[in-house]
C-alpha atoms as a PDB file:
ATOM      1  CA  MET A   1       0.000   0.000   0.000  1.00  0.00           C
ATOM      2  CA  ALA A   2       1.421   3.377  -1.029  1.00  0.00           C
ATOM      3  CA  ARG A   3       2.110   6.037   1.599  1.00  0.00           C
ATOM      4  CA  LEU A   4       1.558   9.679   0.720  1.00  0.00           C
ATOM      5  CA  LEU A   5       2.457  12.778   2.722  1.00  0.00           C
ATOM      6  CA  LEU A   6       0.150  15.759   2.197  1.00  0.00           C
ATOM      7  CA  ILE A   7       1.672  19.092   3.274  1.00  0.00           C
ATOM      8  CA  ASP A   8      -0.928  21.865   3.213  1.00  0.00           C
ATOM      9  CA  ASP A   9      -2.139  24.439   5.742  1.00  0.00           C
ATOM     10  CA  ASP A  10      -5.785  24.121   4.630  1.00  0.00           C
ATOM     11  CA  ASP A  11      -7.376  21.716   7.144  1.00  0.00           C
ATOM     12  CA  HIS A  12     -10.525  21.188   5.075  1.00  0.00           C
ATOM     13  CA  LEU A  13      -8.546  20.313   1.965  1.00  0.00           C
ATOM     14  CA  CYS A  14      -6.375  17.891   3.945  1.00  0.00           C
ATOM     15  CA  VAL A  15      -9.399  16.015   5.310  1.00  0.00           C
ATOM     16  CA  TYR A  16     -11.015  15.917   1.863  1.00  0.00           C
ATOM     17  CA  VAL A  17      -7.881  14.615   0.098  1.00  0.00           C
ATOM     18  CA  LYS A  18      -7.169  12.097   2.889  1.00  0.00           C
ATOM     19  CA  ASN A  19     -10.701  10.651   2.691  1.00  0.00           C
ATOM     20  CA  PHE A  20     -10.635  10.590  -1.115  1.00  0.00           C
ATOM     21  CA  LEU A  21      -7.263   8.827  -1.386  1.00  0.00           C
ATOM     22  CA  GLU A  22      -7.778   6.407   1.495  1.00  0.00           C
ATOM     23  CA  LYS A  23     -10.828   5.048  -0.368  1.00  0.00           C
ATOM     24  CA  ARG A  24      -8.300   4.192  -3.093  1.00  0.00           C
ATOM     25  CA  LYS A  25      -6.093   2.225  -0.680  1.00  0.00           C
ATOM     26  CA  ILE A  26      -3.461   4.951  -0.197  1.00  0.00           C
ATOM     27  CA  ILE A  27      -2.225   5.722   3.312  1.00  0.00           C
ATOM     28  CA  VAL A  28      -2.259   9.504   3.791  1.00  0.00           C
ATOM     29  CA  LEU A  29      -0.131  11.314   6.367  1.00  0.00           C
ATOM     30  CA  ILE A  30      -0.893  14.998   6.964  1.00  0.00           C
ATOM     31  CA  ALA A  31       1.305  17.932   7.914  1.00  0.00           C
ATOM     32  CA  ASN A  32      -0.296  21.365   8.268  1.00  0.00           C
ATOM     33  CA  SER A  33       2.909  23.373   7.889  1.00  0.00           C
ATOM     34  CA  GLY A  34       6.152  23.269   5.967  1.00  0.00           C
ATOM     35  CA  ASN A  35       8.244  22.646   9.068  1.00  0.00           C
ATOM     36  CA  GLU A  36       5.948  19.850  10.248  1.00  0.00           C
ATOM     37  CA  GLY A  37       6.032  18.372   6.750  1.00  0.00           C
ATOM     38  CA  ILE A  38       9.817  18.235   6.625  1.00  0.00           C
ATOM     39  CA  LYS A  39       9.938  16.517  10.036  1.00  0.00           C
ATOM     40  CA  LEU A  40       7.262  14.006   9.027  1.00  0.00           C
ATOM     41  CA  PHE A  41       9.040  13.367   5.715  1.00  0.00           C
ATOM     42  CA  GLN A  42      12.240  12.515   7.579  1.00  0.00           C
ATOM     43  CA  LYS A  43      10.435  10.291  10.072  1.00  0.00           C
ATOM     44  CA  GLU A  44       8.056   8.449   7.729  1.00  0.00           C
ATOM     45  CA  ASN A  45       9.863   8.344   4.351  1.00  0.00           C
ATOM     46  CA  PRO A  46       6.640   8.429   2.276  1.00  0.00           C
ATOM     47  CA  ASP A  47       6.419   7.165  -1.300  1.00  0.00           C
ATOM     48  CA  LEU A  48       4.945  10.424  -2.571  1.00  0.00           C
ATOM     49  CA  VAL A  49       4.472  13.991  -1.323  1.00  0.00           C
ATOM     50  CA  LEU A  50       1.659  16.369  -2.252  1.00  0.00           C
ATOM     51  CA  LEU A  51       2.916  19.839  -1.375  1.00  0.00           C
ATOM     52  CA  ASP A  52       1.122  23.183  -1.389  1.00  0.00           C
ATOM     53  CA  ILE A  53       3.156  26.044  -2.831  1.00  0.00           C
ATOM     54  CA  LYS A  54       1.632  28.783  -0.663  1.00  0.00           C
ATOM     55  CA  MET A  55       1.574  28.159   3.080  1.00  0.00           C
ATOM     56  CA  ALA A  56       1.595  30.493   6.053  1.00  0.00           C
ATOM     57  CA  ASP A  57       4.819  29.378   7.713  1.00  0.00           C
ATOM     58  CA  MET A  58       7.008  28.502   4.766  1.00  0.00           C
ATOM     59  CA  ASN A  59       6.959  28.692   0.982  1.00  0.00           C
ATOM     60  CA  GLY A  60       6.314  25.277  -0.577  1.00  0.00           C
ATOM     61  CA  LEU A  61       9.256  25.803  -2.917  1.00  0.00           C
ATOM     62  CA  ASP A  62      11.547  26.035   0.118  1.00  0.00           C
ATOM     63  CA  VAL A  63      10.007  22.839   1.501  1.00  0.00           C
ATOM     64  CA  LEU A  64      10.520  21.130  -1.879  1.00  0.00           C
ATOM     65  CA  LYS A  65      14.155  22.178  -1.885  1.00  0.00           C
ATOM     66  CA  GLN A  66      14.711  20.731   1.601  1.00  0.00           C
ATOM     67  CA  ILE A  67      12.916  17.475   0.756  1.00  0.00           C
ATOM     68  CA  LYS A  68      15.064  17.040  -2.351  1.00  0.00           C
ATOM     69  CA  GLN A  69      18.199  17.707  -0.275  1.00  0.00           C
ATOM     70  CA  LEU A  70      17.116  15.002   2.174  1.00  0.00           C
ATOM     71  CA  ASP A  71      16.239  12.539  -0.608  1.00  0.00           C
ATOM     72  CA  PRO A  72      16.994  13.533  -4.204  1.00  0.00           C
ATOM     73  CA  LYS A  73      14.941  10.557  -5.480  1.00  0.00           C
ATOM     74  CA  SER A  74      11.792  11.617  -3.621  1.00  0.00           C
ATOM     75  CA  HIS A  75       8.633  12.191  -5.651  1.00  0.00           C
ATOM     76  CA  VAL A  76       6.787  15.482  -5.071  1.00  0.00           C
ATOM     77  CA  ILE A  77       3.655  16.823  -6.732  1.00  0.00           C
ATOM     78  CA  MET A  78       2.918  20.491  -6.131  1.00  0.00           C
ATOM     79  CA  LEU A  79      -0.542  21.818  -5.265  1.00  0.00           C
ATOM     80  CA  THR A  80      -1.228  25.346  -6.446  1.00  0.00           C
ATOM     81  CA  ILE A  81      -4.073  27.816  -6.751  1.00  0.00           C
ATOM     82  CA  ALA A  82      -2.247  30.118  -9.089  1.00  0.00           C
ATOM     83  CA  SER A  83      -1.089  29.152 -12.521  1.00  0.00           C
ATOM     84  CA  ASN A  84       1.986  31.235 -11.817  1.00  0.00           C
ATOM     85  CA  ASP A  85       4.453  30.161 -14.501  1.00  0.00           C
ATOM     86  CA  GLU A  86       7.394  31.473 -12.464  1.00  0.00           C
ATOM     87  CA  ASN A  87       6.503  29.218  -9.507  1.00  0.00           C
ATOM     88  CA  LYS A  88       5.950  26.251 -11.816  1.00  0.00           C
ATOM     89  CA  GLN A  89       9.294  26.785 -13.518  1.00  0.00           C
ATOM     90  CA  LYS A  90      11.090  27.104 -10.176  1.00  0.00           C
ATOM     91  CA  ALA A  91       9.355  23.955  -8.873  1.00  0.00           C
ATOM     92  CA  LYS A  92      10.410  22.021 -11.986  1.00  0.00           C
ATOM     93  CA  GLU A  93      13.994  23.226 -11.534  1.00  0.00           C
ATOM     94  CA  LEU A  94      13.893  22.037  -7.918  1.00  0.00           C
ATOM     95  CA  GLY A  95      12.680  18.597  -8.988  1.00  0.00           C
ATOM     96  CA  ALA A  96       8.880  18.639  -8.745  1.00  0.00           C
ATOM     97  CA  ASP A  97       7.286  15.697 -10.551  1.00  0.00           C
ATOM     98  CA  GLY A  98       4.055  17.452 -11.438  1.00  0.00           C
ATOM     99  CA  PHE A  99       1.293  19.862 -10.505  1.00  0.00           C
ATOM    100  CA  ILE A 100      -2.314  19.689  -9.361  1.00  0.00           C
ATOM    101  CA  ARG A 101      -4.355  22.880  -9.549  1.00  0.00           C
ATOM    102  CA  LYS A 102      -6.679  24.022  -6.804  1.00  0.00           C
ATOM    103  CA  PRO A 103      -9.581  23.776  -6.489  1.00  0.00           C
ATOM    104  CA  ILE A 104      -8.835  20.090  -6.827  1.00  0.00           C
ATOM    105  CA  ASP A 105     -10.587  18.131  -9.540  1.00  0.00           C
ATOM    106  CA  GLU A 106     -11.100  14.526  -8.353  1.00  0.00           C
ATOM    107  CA  GLU A 107     -10.244  12.978 -11.729  1.00  0.00           C
ATOM    108  CA  ASN A 108      -7.042  14.987 -11.948  1.00  0.00           C
ATOM    109  CA  LEU A 109      -6.091  14.118  -8.359  1.00  0.00           C
ATOM    110  CA  GLU A 110      -6.768  10.412  -8.852  1.00  0.00           C
ATOM    111  CA  GLY A 111      -5.025  10.301 -12.227  1.00  0.00           C
ATOM    112  CA  THR A 112      -1.953  12.291 -11.225  1.00  0.00           C
ATOM    113  CA  VAL A 113      -1.435  10.424  -7.950  1.00  0.00           C
ATOM    114  CA  GLY A 114      -2.145   7.066  -9.629  1.00  0.00           C
ATOM    115  CA  LEU A 115       0.417   7.704 -12.364  1.00  0.00           C
ATOM    116  CA  ALA A 116       3.028   8.816  -9.834  1.00  0.00           C
ATOM    117  CA  ILE A 117       2.501   5.725  -7.673  1.00  0.00           C
ATOM    118  CA  ALA A 118       2.722   3.455 -10.736  1.00  0.00           C
ATOM    119  CA  LYS A 119       5.985   5.166 -11.750  1.00  0.00           C
ATOM    120  CA  ILE A 120       7.402   4.709  -8.243  1.00  0.00           C
ATOM    121  CA  ALA A 121       6.446   1.015  -8.296  1.00  0.00           C
ATOM    122  CA  ARG A 122       8.189   0.538 -11.663  1.00  0.00           C
ATOM    123  CA  GLU A 123      11.327   2.283 -10.381  1.00  0.00           C
ATOM    124  CA  ARG A 124      11.439   0.024  -7.322  1.00  0.00           C
ATOM    125  CA  LYS A 125      11.170  -3.115  -9.459  1.00  0.00           C
ATOM    126  CA  LYS A 126      14.303  -2.045 -11.350  1.00  0.00           C
ATOM    127  CA  ILE A 127      16.346  -1.925  -8.148  1.00  0.00           C
END
């Protein structure tokens, strides 16, 4: 069963995404701040991270950078309200694997997360 870490300061979104993905047999860990997310990432070593770009305590791009320093092979999908091309470009440069726009579309969430988990599974079989 895949383990996903959701880092977002929107409590309602976190509960919604957790319920949605757990129905699809994905274990969802939640961190409501960038600092909490980094600590939980280190402790739990999740298969995939969903990371909000704009949070109160810390910019998601800074969190992405720290996660990639901790584990360059980690898989991170960014959550974003804005279609800010500058943020997207910076996230790609830092190693983001993809983007999901807010408000979240269930098909997009399921498809993007499903593809990422399948890719991770294929990578692990090669090792």
